[in-house]
């Protein structure tokens, strides 16, 4: 029996995104936001994302 309004595909994609944010928050530099400018913070998030991608 399926719950009304529950889309398994959407939930699966949402779970992936939530896991990505959790993995990014493990990076201390991002979670404490050492970078003061928006541009520097965005660059650090990009670098952390690349590092996570390379690690697998």
Protein backbone atom coordinates (compact mmCIF):
# COMPACT_ATOMS: atom_id res chain seq x y z
CA UNK A 1 0.00 0.00 0.00
CA UNK A 2 1.34 3.38 -0.99
CA UNK A 3 0.85 6.61 0.90
CA UNK A 4 -1.19 9.14 -1.11
CA UNK A 5 0.97 11.96 -2.44
CA UNK A 6 4.18 9.95 -1.98
CA UNK A 7 6.38 9.76 -5.06
CA UNK A 8 9.20 7.27 -4.60
CA UNK A 9 11.37 8.84 -7.33
CA UNK A 10 11.13 12.35 -5.88
CA UNK A 11 11.87 11.06 -2.38
CA UNK A 12 14.93 9.17 -3.67
CA UNK A 13 16.31 12.32 -5.34
CA UNK A 14 15.59 14.39 -2.22
CA UNK A 15 17.48 11.86 -0.13
CA UNK A 16 20.53 12.19 -2.41
CA UNK A 17 20.51 15.98 -2.05
CA UNK A 18 20.16 15.80 1.74
CA UNK A 19 23.09 13.38 1.89
CA UNK A 20 25.19 15.75 -0.23
CA UNK A 21 24.52 18.63 2.16
CA UNK A 22 25.41 16.41 5.11
CA UNK A 23 28.70 15.42 3.49
CA UNK A 24 29.48 19.08 2.73
CA UNK A 25 28.80 20.04 6.35
CA UNK A 26 31.48 17.58 7.46
CA UNK A 27 34.02 19.95 5.92
CA UNK A 28 34.89 22.18 8.84
CA UNK A 29 35.76 25.16 6.67
CA UNK A 30 32.26 25.16 5.17
CA UNK A 31 30.33 24.43 8.36
CA UNK A 32 32.02 27.27 10.26
CA UNK A 33 32.04 29.53 7.19
CA UNK A 34 35.55 30.95 7.48
CA UNK A 35 35.15 32.76 4.16
CA UNK A 36 33.54 36.14 4.69
CA UNK A 37 32.49 36.97 1.14
CA UNK A 38 29.81 35.19 -0.83
CA UNK A 39 32.20 34.57 -3.72
CA UNK A 40 34.88 32.98 -1.52
CA UNK A 41 32.27 30.79 0.21
CA UNK A 42 30.86 29.68 -3.14
CA UNK A 43 34.37 28.80 -4.32
CA UNK A 44 35.01 26.73 -1.19
CA UNK A 45 31.73 24.85 -1.63
CA UNK A 46 32.73 24.12 -5.23
CA UNK A 47 36.14 22.83 -4.14
CA UNK A 48 34.59 20.66 -1.44
CA UNK A 49 32.09 19.28 -3.97
CA UNK A 50 34.93 18.40 -6.35
CA UNK A 51 36.83 16.69 -3.54
CA UNK A 52 33.74 14.64 -2.62
CA UNK A 53 33.26 13.71 -6.28
CA UNK A 54 36.86 12.55 -6.63
CA UNK A 55 36.72 10.51 -3.41
CA UNK A 56 33.60 8.79 -4.70
